[in-house]
Amino acid sequence: MERTSEIARGVKRLAKDFRAVVLLIAQTSRHAGDGSEEVTVTDARDSGAIEDSADFLIGCWRPELKAGLSPEGFMDVEGQLWFRILKARRGMQAQFHVVFDGPTLQVREPESEGVTIP
């Protein structure tokens, strides 16, 4: 935990010194599950240290990994990556998703709007 705090503060200083956006990716803890459910702030490993230093926290999950999806349900969410802003210093809130095409390694906007999380 102490090492994570040190790294998080260092990344924040680096971003300020260079006036640049720095992305830090954090692994979720095991209790967060398999990545099929929405991620929360507390799901990140050593989340307190990271949350304290971060201006924004964005959670990402893949609903297609959810166990027990019907074939129709799977087809509705296949390739989707969902994102939610979990923390924003200025209070912004948003949720959105993109589609990941594995064979071409491309991320693109979804073709239809109004998609709901299964």
PDB file of N, CA and C in Angstrom:
ATOM      1  N   MET A   1       0.823  -1.194   0.000  1.00  0.00           N
ATOM      2  CA  MET A   1       0.000   0.000   0.000  1.00  0.00           C
ATOM      3  C   MET A   1       0.867   1.257   0.000  1.00  0.00           C
ATOM      4  N   GLU A   2       1.920   1.261   0.809  1.00  0.00           N
ATOM      5  CA  GLU A   2       2.795   2.434   0.875  1.00  0.00           C
ATOM      6  C   GLU A   2       3.465   2.677  -0.476  1.00  0.00           C
ATOM      7  N   ARG A   3       3.889   1.609  -1.121  1.00  0.00           N
ATOM      8  CA  ARG A   3       4.537   1.725  -2.433  1.00  0.00           C
ATOM      9  C   ARG A   3       3.549   2.264  -3.471  1.00  0.00           C
ATOM     10  N   THR A   4       2.318   1.795  -3.420  1.00  0.00           N
ATOM     11  CA  THR A   4       1.291   2.286  -4.338  1.00  0.00           C
ATOM     12  C   THR A   4       1.042   3.774  -4.124  1.00  0.00           C
ATOM     13  N   SER A   5       0.987   4.208  -2.888  1.00  0.00           N
ATOM     14  CA  SER A   5       0.794   5.635  -2.580  1.00  0.00           C
ATOM     15  C   SER A   5       1.926   6.463  -3.153  1.00  0.00           C
ATOM     16  N   GLU A   6       3.148   5.972  -2.984  1.00  0.00           N
ATOM     17  CA  GLU A   6       4.324   6.674  -3.499  1.00  0.00           C
ATOM     18  C   GLU A   6       4.276   6.782  -5.028  1.00  0.00           C
ATOM     19  N   ILE A   7       3.919   5.709  -5.683  1.00  0.00           N
ATOM     20  CA  ILE A   7       3.830   5.712  -7.149  1.00  0.00           C
ATOM     21  C   ILE A   7       2.722   6.653  -7.619  1.00  0.00           C
ATOM     22  N   ALA A   8       1.568   6.598  -6.995  1.00  0.00           N
ATOM     23  CA  ALA A   8       0.444   7.450  -7.384  1.00  0.00           C
ATOM     24  C   ALA A   8       0.795   8.928  -7.234  1.00  0.00           C
ATOM     25  N   ARG A   9       1.437   9.290  -6.143  1.00  0.00           N
ATOM     26  CA  ARG A   9       1.853  10.692  -5.953  1.00  0.00           C
ATOM     27  C   ARG A   9       2.906  11.088  -6.979  1.00  0.00           C
ATOM     28  N   GLY A  10       3.824  10.171  -7.294  1.00  0.00           N
ATOM     29  CA  GLY A  10       4.856  10.449  -8.294  1.00  0.00           C
ATOM     30  C   GLY A  10       4.278  10.675  -9.674  1.00  0.00           C
ATOM     31  N   VAL A  11       3.289   9.881 -10.036  1.00  0.00           N
ATOM     32  CA  VAL A  11       2.632  10.035 -11.336  1.00  0.00           C
ATOM     33  C   VAL A  11       1.908  11.383 -11.385  1.00  0.00           C
ATOM     34  N   LYS A  12       1.283  11.766 -10.296  1.00  0.00           N
ATOM     35  CA  LYS A  12       0.595  13.061 -10.234  1.00  0.00           C
ATOM     36  C   LYS A  12       1.593  14.211 -10.409  1.00  0.00           C
ATOM     37  N   ARG A  13       2.743  14.124  -9.737  1.00  0.00           N
ATOM     38  CA  ARG A  13       3.782  15.157  -9.887  1.00  0.00           C
ATOM     39  C   ARG A  13       4.292  15.210 -11.322  1.00  0.00           C
ATOM     40  N   LEU A  14       4.504  14.064 -11.922  1.00  0.00           N
ATOM     41  CA  LEU A  14       4.963  13.987 -13.301  1.00  0.00           C
ATOM     42  C   LEU A  14       3.978  14.696 -14.239  1.00  0.00           C
ATOM     43  N   ALA A  15       2.709  14.431 -14.066  1.00  0.00           N
ATOM     44  CA  ALA A  15       1.683  15.058 -14.898  1.00  0.00           C
ATOM     45  C   ALA A  15       1.694  16.575 -14.731  1.00  0.00           C
ATOM     46  N   LYS A  16       1.825  17.035 -13.503  1.00  0.00           N
ATOM     47  CA  LYS A  16       1.858  18.480 -13.254  1.00  0.00           C
ATOM     48  C   LYS A  16       3.127  19.115 -13.812  1.00  0.00           C
ATOM     49  N   ASP A  17       4.257  18.486 -13.595  1.00  0.00           N
ATOM     50  CA  ASP A  17       5.531  19.029 -14.075  1.00  0.00           C
ATOM     51  C   ASP A  17       5.555  19.187 -15.589  1.00  0.00           C
ATOM     52  N   PHE A  18       5.012  18.216 -16.294  1.00  0.00           N
ATOM     53  CA  PHE A  18       5.034  18.242 -17.750  1.00  0.00           C
ATOM     54  C   PHE A  18       3.735  18.776 -18.357  1.00  0.00           C
ATOM     55  N   ARG A  19       2.799  19.157 -17.485  1.00  0.00           N
ATOM     56  CA  ARG A  19       1.495  19.651 -17.940  1.00  0.00           C
ATOM     57  C   ARG A  19       0.912  18.714 -19.002  1.00  0.00           C
ATOM     58  N   ALA A  20       0.869  17.448 -18.631  1.00  0.00           N
ATOM     59  CA  ALA A  20       0.435  16.412 -19.564  1.00  0.00           C
ATOM     60  C   ALA A  20      -0.566  15.485 -18.883  1.00  0.00           C
ATOM     61  N   VAL A  21      -1.336  14.834 -19.701  1.00  0.00           N
ATOM     62  CA  VAL A  21      -2.252  13.810 -19.212  1.00  0.00           C
ATOM     63  C   VAL A  21      -1.463  12.518 -19.055  1.00  0.00           C
ATOM     64  N   VAL A  22      -1.586  11.894 -17.913  1.00  0.00           N
ATOM     65  CA  VAL A  22      -0.926  10.614 -17.664  1.00  0.00           C
ATOM     66  C   VAL A  22      -2.005   9.607 -17.279  1.00  0.00           C
ATOM     67  N   LEU A  23      -2.027   8.490 -17.974  1.00  0.00           N
ATOM     68  CA  LEU A  23      -2.972   7.424 -17.662  1.00  0.00           C
ATOM     69  C   LEU A  23      -2.272   6.360 -16.836  1.00  0.00           C
ATOM     70  N   LEU A  24      -2.897   5.980 -15.767  1.00  0.00           N
ATOM     71  CA  LEU A  24      -2.379   4.935 -14.896  1.00  0.00           C
ATOM     72  C   LEU A  24      -3.429   3.836 -14.854  1.00  0.00           C
ATOM     73  N   ILE A  25      -3.051   2.648 -15.236  1.00  0.00           N
ATOM     74  CA  ILE A  25      -3.979   1.530 -15.260  1.00  0.00           C
ATOM     75  C   ILE A  25      -3.786   0.713 -13.991  1.00  0.00           C
ATOM     76  N   ALA A  26      -4.896   0.420 -13.320  1.00  0.00           N
ATOM     77  CA  ALA A  26      -4.839  -0.349 -12.079  1.00  0.00           C
ATOM     78  C   ALA A  26      -5.632  -1.628 -12.218  1.00  0.00           C
ATOM     79  N   GLN A  27      -5.083  -2.686 -11.695  1.00  0.00           N
ATOM     80  CA  GLN A  27      -5.749  -3.984 -11.700  1.00  0.00           C
ATOM     81  C   GLN A  27      -6.834  -3.985 -10.630  1.00  0.00           C
ATOM     82  N   THR A  28      -7.930  -4.674 -10.913  1.00  0.00           N
ATOM     83  CA  THR A  28      -8.963  -4.797  -9.894  1.00  0.00           C
ATOM     84  C   THR A  28      -8.598  -5.932  -8.935  1.00  0.00           C
ATOM     85  N   SER A  29      -9.162  -5.865  -7.767  1.00  0.00           N
ATOM     86  CA  SER A  29      -8.930  -6.925  -6.788  1.00  0.00           C
ATOM     87  C   SER A  29      -9.735  -8.164  -7.176  1.00  0.00           C
ATOM     88  N   ARG A  30      -9.435  -9.269  -6.560  1.00  0.00           N
ATOM     89  CA  ARG A  30     -10.115 -10.521  -6.911  1.00  0.00           C
ATOM     90  C   ARG A  30     -11.602 -10.489  -6.593  1.00  0.00           C
ATOM     91  N   HIS A  31     -11.990  -9.752  -5.552  1.00  0.00           N
ATOM     92  CA  HIS A  31     -13.414  -9.731  -5.202  1.00  0.00           C
ATOM     93  C   HIS A  31     -14.245  -8.974  -6.236  1.00  0.00           C
ATOM     94  N   ALA A  32     -13.588  -8.275  -7.163  1.00  0.00           N
ATOM     95  CA  ALA A  32     -14.304  -7.542  -8.216  1.00  0.00           C
ATOM     96  C   ALA A  32     -14.892  -8.492  -9.257  1.00  0.00           C
ATOM     97  N   GLY A  33     -14.458  -9.730  -9.255  1.00  0.00           N
ATOM     98  CA  GLY A  33     -15.021 -10.711 -10.169  1.00  0.00           C
ATOM     99  C   GLY A  33     -14.209 -10.877 -11.444  1.00  0.00           C
ATOM    100  N   ASP A  34     -14.923 -11.250 -12.502  1.00  0.00           N
ATOM    101  CA  ASP A  34     -14.264 -11.627 -13.754  1.00  0.00           C
ATOM    102  C   ASP A  34     -14.243 -10.526 -14.808  1.00  0.00           C
ATOM    103  N   GLY A  35     -14.650  -9.322 -14.454  1.00  0.00           N
ATOM    104  CA  GLY A  35     -14.657  -8.221 -15.413  1.00  0.00           C
ATOM    105  C   GLY A  35     -15.953  -8.084 -16.171  1.00  0.00           C
ATOM    106  N   SER A  36     -16.973  -8.872 -15.798  1.00  0.00           N
ATOM    107  CA  SER A  36     -18.254  -8.815 -16.495  1.00  0.00           C
ATOM    108  C   SER A  36     -19.224  -7.830 -15.857  1.00  0.00           C
ATOM    109  N   GLU A  37     -18.945  -7.426 -14.645  1.00  0.00           N
ATOM    110  CA  GLU A  37     -19.827  -6.517 -13.907  1.00  0.00           C
ATOM    111  C   GLU A  37     -19.198  -5.135 -13.806  1.00  0.00           C
ATOM    112  N   GLU A  38     -20.039  -4.144 -13.606  1.00  0.00           N
ATOM    113  CA  GLU A  38     -19.571  -2.770 -13.480  1.00  0.00           C
ATOM    114  C   GLU A  38     -18.550  -2.650 -12.356  1.00  0.00           C
ATOM    115  N   VAL A  39     -17.503  -1.893 -12.613  1.00  0.00           N
ATOM    116  CA  VAL A  39     -16.419  -1.697 -11.662  1.00  0.00           C
ATOM    117  C   VAL A  39     -16.741  -0.495 -10.774  1.00  0.00           C
ATOM    118  N   THR A  40     -16.359  -0.581  -9.495  1.00  0.00           N
ATOM    119  CA  THR A  40     -16.538   0.532  -8.562  1.00  0.00           C
ATOM    120  C   THR A  40     -15.177   1.038  -8.113  1.00  0.00           C
ATOM    121  N   VAL A  41     -15.167   2.151  -7.426  1.00  0.00           N
ATOM    122  CA  VAL A  41     -13.917   2.735  -6.934  1.00  0.00           C
ATOM    123  C   VAL A  41     -13.200   1.773  -5.999  1.00  0.00           C
ATOM    124  N   THR A  42     -13.926   1.070  -5.173  1.00  0.00           N
ATOM    125  CA  THR A  42     -13.301   0.179  -4.200  1.00  0.00           C
ATOM    126  C   THR A  42     -12.777  -1.114  -4.803  1.00  0.00           C
ATOM    127  N   ASP A  43     -13.089  -1.389  -6.072  1.00  0.00           N
ATOM    128  CA  ASP A  43     -12.617  -2.610  -6.725  1.00  0.00           C
ATOM    129  C   ASP A  43     -11.148  -2.548  -7.127  1.00  0.00           C
ATOM    130  N   ALA A  44     -10.588  -1.375  -7.267  1.00  0.00           N
ATOM    131  CA  ALA A  44      -9.187  -1.248  -7.675  1.00  0.00           C
ATOM    132  C   ALA A  44      -8.274  -1.659  -6.525  1.00  0.00           C
ATOM    133  N   ARG A  45      -7.204  -2.332  -6.849  1.00  0.00           N
ATOM    134  CA  ARG A  45      -6.233  -2.703  -5.821  1.00  0.00           C
ATOM    135  C   ARG A  45      -5.637  -1.427  -5.240  1.00  0.00           C
ATOM    136  N   ASP A  46      -5.493  -1.391  -3.928  1.00  0.00           N
ATOM    137  CA  ASP A  46      -4.960  -0.216  -3.231  1.00  0.00           C
ATOM    138  C   ASP A  46      -5.675   1.046  -3.691  1.00  0.00           C
ATOM    139  N   SER A  47      -7.002   0.957  -3.816  1.00  0.00           N
ATOM    140  CA  SER A  47      -7.781   2.028  -4.423  1.00  0.00           C
ATOM    141  C   SER A  47      -7.709   3.348  -3.667  1.00  0.00           C
ATOM    142  N   GLY A  48      -7.523   3.314  -2.363  1.00  0.00           N
ATOM    143  CA  GLY A  48      -7.459   4.559  -1.604  1.00  0.00           C
ATOM    144  C   GLY A  48      -6.309   5.440  -2.036  1.00  0.00           C
ATOM    145  N   ALA A  49      -5.152   4.844  -2.243  1.00  0.00           N
ATOM    146  CA  ALA A  49      -3.974   5.596  -2.668  1.00  0.00           C
ATOM    147  C   ALA A  49      -4.147   6.149  -4.068  1.00  0.00           C
ATOM    148  N   ILE A  50      -4.696   5.365  -4.942  1.00  0.00           N
ATOM    149  CA  ILE A  50      -4.899   5.799  -6.326  1.00  0.00           C
ATOM    150  C   ILE A  50      -5.989   6.862  -6.389  1.00  0.00           C
ATOM    151  N   GLU A  51      -7.092   6.632  -5.701  1.00  0.00           N
ATOM    152  CA  GLU A  51      -8.200   7.584  -5.718  1.00  0.00           C
ATOM    153  C   GLU A  51      -7.775   8.938  -5.168  1.00  0.00           C
ATOM    154  N   ASP A  52      -6.965   8.940  -4.133  1.00  0.00           N
ATOM    155  CA  ASP A  52      -6.526  10.188  -3.509  1.00  0.00           C
ATOM    156  C   ASP A  52      -5.751  11.062  -4.492  1.00  0.00           C
ATOM    157  N   SER A  53      -4.918  10.471  -5.319  1.00  0.00           N
ATOM    158  CA  SER A  53      -4.078  11.231  -6.244  1.00  0.00           C
ATOM    159  C   SER A  53      -4.746  11.527  -7.582  1.00  0.00           C
ATOM    160  N   ALA A  54      -5.716  10.742  -7.964  1.00  0.00           N
ATOM    161  CA  ALA A  54      -6.301  10.849  -9.309  1.00  0.00           C
ATOM    162  C   ALA A  54      -7.282  12.013  -9.422  1.00  0.00           C
ATOM    163  N   ASP A  55      -7.261  12.671 -10.573  1.00  0.00           N
ATOM    164  CA  ASP A  55      -8.278  13.666 -10.886  1.00  0.00           C
ATOM    165  C   ASP A  55      -9.522  12.984 -11.442  1.00  0.00           C
ATOM    166  N   PHE A  56      -9.313  11.895 -12.162  1.00  0.00           N
ATOM    167  CA  PHE A  56     -10.404  11.114 -12.733  1.00  0.00           C
ATOM    168  C   PHE A  56     -10.137   9.636 -12.477  1.00  0.00           C
ATOM    169  N   LEU A  57     -11.197   8.898 -12.226  1.00  0.00           N
ATOM    170  CA  LEU A  57     -11.133   7.432 -12.197  1.00  0.00           C
ATOM    171  C   LEU A  57     -12.188   6.931 -13.165  1.00  0.00           C
ATOM    172  N   ILE A  58     -11.786   6.041 -14.047  1.00  0.00           N
ATOM    173  CA  ILE A  58     -12.713   5.478 -15.016  1.00  0.00           C
ATOM    174  C   ILE A  58     -12.694   3.961 -14.876  1.00  0.00           C
ATOM    175  N   GLY A  59     -13.856   3.380 -14.680  1.00  0.00           N
ATOM    176  CA  GLY A  59     -13.985   1.931 -14.596  1.00  0.00           C
ATOM    177  C   GLY A  59     -14.349   1.363 -15.954  1.00  0.00           C
ATOM    178  N   CYS A  60     -13.888   0.161 -16.232  1.00  0.00           N
ATOM    179  CA  CYS A  60     -14.149  -0.488 -17.518  1.00  0.00           C
ATOM    180  C   CYS A  60     -14.528  -1.944 -17.258  1.00  0.00           C
ATOM    181  N   TRP A  61     -15.533  -2.430 -17.980  1.00  0.00           N
ATOM    182  CA  TRP A  61     -15.923  -3.833 -17.859  1.00  0.00           C
ATOM    183  C   TRP A  61     -16.497  -4.337 -19.176  1.00  0.00           C
ATOM    184  N   ARG A  62     -16.545  -5.672 -19.304  1.00  0.00           N
ATOM    185  CA  ARG A  62     -17.021  -6.334 -20.530  1.00  0.00           C
ATOM    186  C   ARG A  62     -18.237  -7.207 -20.195  1.00  0.00           C
ATOM    187  N   PRO A  63     -19.436  -6.730 -20.474  1.00  0.00           N
ATOM    188  CA  PRO A  63     -20.635  -7.503 -20.116  1.00  0.00           C
ATOM    189  C   PRO A  63     -20.729  -8.853 -20.797  1.00  0.00           C
ATOM    190  N   GLU A  64     -20.042  -9.066 -21.921  1.00  0.00           N
ATOM    191  CA  GLU A  64     -20.125 -10.357 -22.615  1.00  0.00           C
ATOM    192  C   GLU A  64     -19.505 -11.488 -21.793  1.00  0.00           C
ATOM    193  N   LEU A  65     -18.720 -11.152 -20.769  1.00  0.00           N
ATOM    194  CA  LEU A  65     -18.103 -12.175 -19.926  1.00  0.00           C
ATOM    195  C   LEU A  65     -19.051 -12.716 -18.864  1.00  0.00           C
ATOM    196  N   LYS A  66     -20.206 -12.097 -18.717  1.00  0.00           N
ATOM    197  CA  LYS A  66     -21.161 -12.480 -17.674  1.00  0.00           C
ATOM    198  C   LYS A  66     -21.640 -13.913 -17.899  1.00  0.00           C
ATOM    199  N   ALA A  67     -21.557 -14.714 -16.866  1.00  0.00           N
ATOM    200  CA  ALA A  67     -21.990 -16.111 -16.949  1.00  0.00           C
ATOM    201  C   ALA A  67     -23.502 -16.192 -17.109  1.00  0.00           C
ATOM    202  N   GLY A  68     -23.943 -17.164 -17.871  1.00  0.00           N
ATOM    203  CA  GLY A  68     -25.371 -17.421 -18.006  1.00  0.00           C
ATOM    204  C   GLY A  68     -26.098 -16.539 -19.000  1.00  0.00           C
ATOM    205  N   LEU A  69     -25.372 -15.796 -19.821  1.00  0.00           N
ATOM    206  CA  LEU A  69     -26.040 -14.988 -20.843  1.00  0.00           C
ATOM    207  C   LEU A  69     -26.675 -15.904 -21.889  1.00  0.00           C
ATOM    208  N   SER A  70     -27.869 -15.554 -22.299  1.00  0.00           N
ATOM    209  CA  SER A  70     -28.506 -16.300 -23.393  1.00  0.00           C
ATOM    210  C   SER A  70     -27.759 -15.986 -24.680  1.00  0.00           C
ATOM    211  N   PRO A  71     -27.889 -16.818 -25.706  1.00  0.00           N
ATOM    212  CA  PRO A  71     -27.235 -16.505 -26.985  1.00  0.00           C
ATOM    213  C   PRO A  71     -27.640 -15.133 -27.522  1.00  0.00           C
ATOM    214  N   GLU A  72     -28.914 -14.758 -27.343  1.00  0.00           N
ATOM    215  CA  GLU A  72     -29.371 -13.440 -27.792  1.00  0.00           C
ATOM    216  C   GLU A  72     -28.726 -12.342 -26.958  1.00  0.00           C
ATOM    217  N   GLY A  73     -28.646 -12.567 -25.651  1.00  0.00           N
ATOM    218  CA  GLY A  73     -28.020 -11.586 -24.759  1.00  0.00           C
ATOM    219  C   GLY A  73     -26.554 -11.403 -25.077  1.00  0.00           C
ATOM    220  N   PHE A  74     -25.882 -12.512 -25.394  1.00  0.00           N
ATOM    221  CA  PHE A  74     -24.473 -12.440 -25.761  1.00  0.00           C
ATOM    222  C   PHE A  74     -24.290 -11.633 -27.038  1.00  0.00           C
ATOM    223  N   MET A  75     -25.134 -11.884 -28.018  1.00  0.00           N
ATOM    224  CA  MET A  75     -25.022 -11.168 -29.294  1.00  0.00           C
ATOM    225  C   MET A  75     -25.247  -9.666 -29.101  1.00  0.00           C
ATOM    226  N   ASP A  76     -26.093  -9.289 -28.146  1.00  0.00           N
ATOM    227  CA  ASP A  76     -26.371  -7.875 -27.890  1.00  0.00           C
ATOM    228  C   ASP A  76     -25.159  -7.140 -27.316  1.00  0.00           C
ATOM    229  N   VAL A  77     -24.287  -7.850 -26.606  1.00  0.00           N
ATOM    230  CA  VAL A  77     -23.160  -7.179 -25.931  1.00  0.00           C
ATOM    231  C   VAL A  77     -21.792  -7.653 -26.421  1.00  0.00           C
ATOM    232  N   GLU A  78     -21.764  -8.514 -27.411  1.00  0.00           N
ATOM    233  CA  GLU A  78     -20.497  -9.054 -27.902  1.00  0.00           C
ATOM    234  C   GLU A  78     -19.547  -7.930 -28.323  1.00  0.00           C
ATOM    235  N   GLY A  79     -18.342  -7.954 -27.780  1.00  0.00           N
ATOM    236  CA  GLY A  79     -17.308  -6.977 -28.132  1.00  0.00           C
ATOM    237  C   GLY A  79     -17.423  -5.639 -27.435  1.00  0.00           C
ATOM    238  N   GLN A  80     -18.459  -5.447 -26.620  1.00  0.00           N
ATOM    239  CA  GLN A  80     -18.630  -4.144 -25.975  1.00  0.00           C
ATOM    240  C   GLN A  80     -17.699  -3.965 -24.783  1.00  0.00           C
ATOM    241  N   LEU A  81     -17.165  -2.771 -24.665  1.00  0.00           N
ATOM    242  CA  LEU A  81     -16.415  -2.339 -23.485  1.00  0.00           C
ATOM    243  C   LEU A  81     -17.188  -1.161 -22.892  1.00  0.00           C
ATOM    244  N   TRP A  82     -17.634  -1.290 -21.666  1.00  0.00           N
ATOM    245  CA  TRP A  82     -18.383  -0.225 -21.003  1.00  0.00           C
ATOM    246  C   TRP A  82     -17.448   0.547 -20.090  1.00  0.00           C
ATOM    247  N   PHE A  83     -17.646   1.844 -20.033  1.00  0.00           N
ATOM    248  CA  PHE A  83     -16.850   2.731 -19.193  1.00  0.00           C
ATOM    249  C   PHE A  83     -17.777   3.602 -18.356  1.00  0.00           C
ATOM    250  N   ARG A  84     -17.361   3.897 -17.135  1.00  0.00           N
ATOM    251  CA  ARG A  84     -18.088   4.833 -16.271  1.00  0.00           C
ATOM    252  C   ARG A  84     -17.063   5.685 -15.541  1.00  0.00           C
ATOM    253  N   ILE A  85     -17.320   6.971 -15.513  1.00  0.00           N
ATOM    254  CA  ILE A  85     -16.467   7.864 -14.730  1.00  0.00           C
ATOM    255  C   ILE A  85     -16.850   7.657 -13.269  1.00  0.00           C
ATOM    256  N   LEU A  86     -15.918   7.148 -12.488  1.00  0.00           N
ATOM    257  CA  LEU A  86     -16.164   6.840 -11.083  1.00  0.00           C
ATOM    258  C   LEU A  86     -15.837   8.020 -10.179  1.00  0.00           C
ATOM    259  N   LYS A  87     -14.926   8.870 -10.647  1.00  0.00           N
ATOM    260  CA  LYS A  87     -14.548  10.054  -9.883  1.00  0.00           C
ATOM    261  C   LYS A  87     -14.086  11.115 -10.863  1.00  0.00           C
ATOM    262  N   ALA A  88     -14.523  12.339 -10.612  1.00  0.00           N
ATOM    263  CA  ALA A  88     -14.061  13.480 -11.388  1.00  0.00           C
ATOM    264  C   ALA A  88     -13.994  14.672 -10.437  1.00  0.00           C
ATOM    265  N   ARG A  89     -12.865  15.302 -10.379  1.00  0.00           N
ATOM    266  CA  ARG A  89     -12.688  16.432  -9.461  1.00  0.00           C
ATOM    267  C   ARG A  89     -13.742  17.517  -9.647  1.00  0.00           C
ATOM    268  N   ARG A  90     -14.226  17.688 -10.858  1.00  0.00           N
ATOM    269  CA  ARG A  90     -15.224  18.727 -11.121  1.00  0.00           C
ATOM    270  C   ARG A  90     -16.650  18.169 -11.175  1.00  0.00           C
ATOM    271  N   GLY A  91     -16.828  16.950 -10.743  1.00  0.00           N
ATOM    272  CA  GLY A  91     -18.155  16.382 -10.596  1.00  0.00           C
ATOM    273  C   GLY A  91     -18.812  15.816 -11.841  1.00  0.00           C
ATOM    274  N   MET A  92     -18.095  15.724 -12.945  1.00  0.00           N
ATOM    275  CA  MET A  92     -18.675  15.183 -14.178  1.00  0.00           C
ATOM    276  C   MET A  92     -19.033  13.706 -13.978  1.00  0.00           C
ATOM    277  N   GLN A  93     -20.179  13.312 -14.536  1.00  0.00           N
ATOM    278  CA  GLN A  93     -20.572  11.911 -14.505  1.00  0.00           C
ATOM    279  C   GLN A  93     -20.947  11.483 -15.909  1.00  0.00           C
ATOM    280  N   ALA A  94     -20.547  10.304 -16.285  1.00  0.00           N
ATOM    281  CA  ALA A  94     -20.889   9.795 -17.608  1.00  0.00           C
ATOM    282  C   ALA A  94     -20.705   8.289 -17.646  1.00  0.00           C
ATOM    283  N   GLN A  95     -21.419   7.677 -18.548  1.00  0.00           N
ATOM    284  CA  GLN A  95     -21.252   6.257 -18.847  1.00  0.00           C
ATOM    285  C   GLN A  95     -21.362   6.120 -20.355  1.00  0.00           C
ATOM    286  N   PHE A  96     -20.492   5.321 -20.936  1.00  0.00           N
ATOM    287  CA  PHE A  96     -20.509   5.134 -22.374  1.00  0.00           C
ATOM    288  C   PHE A  96     -19.904   3.788 -22.710  1.00  0.00           C
ATOM    289  N   HIS A  97     -20.054   3.371 -23.949  1.00  0.00           N
ATOM    290  CA  HIS A  97     -19.436   2.116 -24.361  1.00  0.00           C
ATOM    291  C   HIS A  97     -18.913   2.233 -25.780  1.00  0.00           C
ATOM    292  N   VAL A  98     -17.972   1.371 -26.080  1.00  0.00           N
ATOM    293  CA  VAL A  98     -17.389   1.249 -27.412  1.00  0.00           C
ATOM    294  C   VAL A  98     -17.420  -0.232 -27.776  1.00  0.00           C
ATOM    295  N   VAL A  99     -17.109  -0.524 -29.021  1.00  0.00           N
ATOM    296  CA  VAL A  99     -17.072  -1.913 -29.473  1.00  0.00           C
ATOM    297  C   VAL A  99     -15.640  -2.235 -29.872  1.00  0.00           C
ATOM    298  N   PHE A 100     -15.146  -3.349 -29.377  1.00  0.00           N
ATOM    299  CA  PHE A 100     -13.799  -3.810 -29.699  1.00  0.00           C
ATOM    300  C   PHE A 100     -13.907  -4.954 -30.692  1.00  0.00           C
ATOM    301  N   ASP A 101     -13.244  -4.806 -31.821  1.00  0.00           N
ATOM    302  CA  ASP A 101     -13.223  -5.846 -32.853  1.00  0.00           C
ATOM    303  C   ASP A 101     -11.904  -6.604 -32.720  1.00  0.00           C
ATOM    304  N   GLY A 102     -11.952  -7.781 -32.123  1.00  0.00           N
ATOM    305  CA  GLY A 102     -10.757  -8.576 -31.869  1.00  0.00           C
ATOM    306  C   GLY A 102      -9.899  -8.880 -33.078  1.00  0.00           C
ATOM    307  N   PRO A 103     -10.483  -9.361 -34.187  1.00  0.00           N
ATOM    308  CA  PRO A 103      -9.651  -9.711 -35.339  1.00  0.00           C
ATOM    309  C   PRO A 103      -8.852  -8.533 -35.923  1.00  0.00           C
ATOM    310  N   THR A 104      -9.443  -7.312 -35.885  1.00  0.00           N
ATOM    311  CA  THR A 104      -8.737  -6.159 -36.456  1.00  0.00           C
ATOM    312  C   THR A 104      -8.085  -5.284 -35.392  1.00  0.00           C
ATOM    313  N   LEU A 105      -8.343  -5.582 -34.115  1.00  0.00           N
ATOM    314  CA  LEU A 105      -7.835  -4.803 -32.981  1.00  0.00           C
ATOM    315  C   LEU A 105      -8.268  -3.342 -33.048  1.00  0.00           C
ATOM    316  N   GLN A 106      -9.462  -3.092 -33.566  1.00  0.00           N
ATOM    317  CA  GLN A 106      -9.990  -1.737 -33.670  1.00  0.00           C
ATOM    318  C   GLN A 106     -11.059  -1.493 -32.617  1.00  0.00           C
ATOM    319  N   VAL A 107     -11.063  -0.264 -32.106  1.00  0.00           N
ATOM    320  CA  VAL A 107     -12.105   0.187 -31.197  1.00  0.00           C
ATOM    321  C   VAL A 107     -12.940   1.183 -31.981  1.00  0.00           C
ATOM    322  N   ARG A 108     -14.256   0.997 -31.964  1.00  0.00           N
ATOM    323  CA  ARG A 108     -15.123   1.880 -32.728  1.00  0.00           C
ATOM    324  C   ARG A 108     -16.380   2.200 -31.939  1.00  0.00           C
ATOM    325  N   GLU A 109     -17.084   3.210 -32.419  1.00  0.00           N
ATOM    326  CA  GLU A 109     -18.354   3.566 -31.800  1.00  0.00           C
ATOM    327  C   GLU A 109     -19.382   2.496 -32.109  1.00  0.00           C
ATOM    328  N   PRO A 110     -20.325   2.285 -31.202  1.00  0.00           N
ATOM    329  CA  PRO A 110     -21.384   1.304 -31.472  1.00  0.00           C
ATOM    330  C   PRO A 110     -22.259   1.770 -32.631  1.00  0.00           C
ATOM    331  N   GLU A 111     -22.833   0.816 -33.343  1.00  0.00           N
ATOM    332  CA  GLU A 111     -23.647   1.150 -34.508  1.00  0.00           C
ATOM    333  C   GLU A 111     -25.023   1.661 -34.134  1.00  0.00           C
ATOM    334  N   SER A 112     -25.543   1.239 -32.982  1.00  0.00           N
ATOM    335  CA  SER A 112     -26.874   1.708 -32.582  1.00  0.00           C
ATOM    336  C   SER A 112     -26.828   2.225 -31.158  1.00  0.00           C
ATOM    337  N   GLU A 113     -27.615   3.241 -30.908  1.00  0.00           N
ATOM    338  CA  GLU A 113     -27.710   3.811 -29.563  1.00  0.00           C
ATOM    339  C   GLU A 113     -28.850   3.126 -28.808  1.00  0.00           C
ATOM    340  N   GLY A 114     -28.959   3.432 -27.547  1.00  0.00           N
ATOM    341  CA  GLY A 114     -30.030   2.882 -26.741  1.00  0.00           C
ATOM    342  C   GLY A 114     -29.741   1.485 -26.244  1.00  0.00           C
ATOM    343  N   VAL A 115     -28.493   1.039 -26.304  1.00  0.00           N
ATOM    344  CA  VAL A 115     -28.122  -0.279 -25.827  1.00  0.00           C
ATOM    345  C   VAL A 115     -28.135  -0.248 -24.297  1.00  0.00           C
ATOM    346  N   THR A 116     -28.682  -1.247 -23.678  1.00  0.00           N
ATOM    347  CA  THR A 116     -28.705  -1.323 -22.228  1.00  0.00           C
ATOM    348  C   THR A 116     -27.775  -2.411 -21.738  1.00  0.00           C
ATOM    349  N   ILE A 117     -27.309  -2.245 -20.537  1.00  0.00           N
ATOM    350  CA  ILE A 117     -26.431  -3.249 -19.933  1.00  0.00           C
ATOM    351  C   ILE A 117     -27.283  -4.431 -19.508  1.00  0.00           C
ATOM    352  N   PRO A 118     -26.896  -5.640 -19.891  1.00  0.00           N
ATOM    353  CA  PRO A 118     -27.700  -6.826 -19.528  1.00  0.00           C
ATOM    354  C   PRO A 118     -27.626  -7.120 -18.046  1.00  0.00           C
TER     355      PRO A 118
END
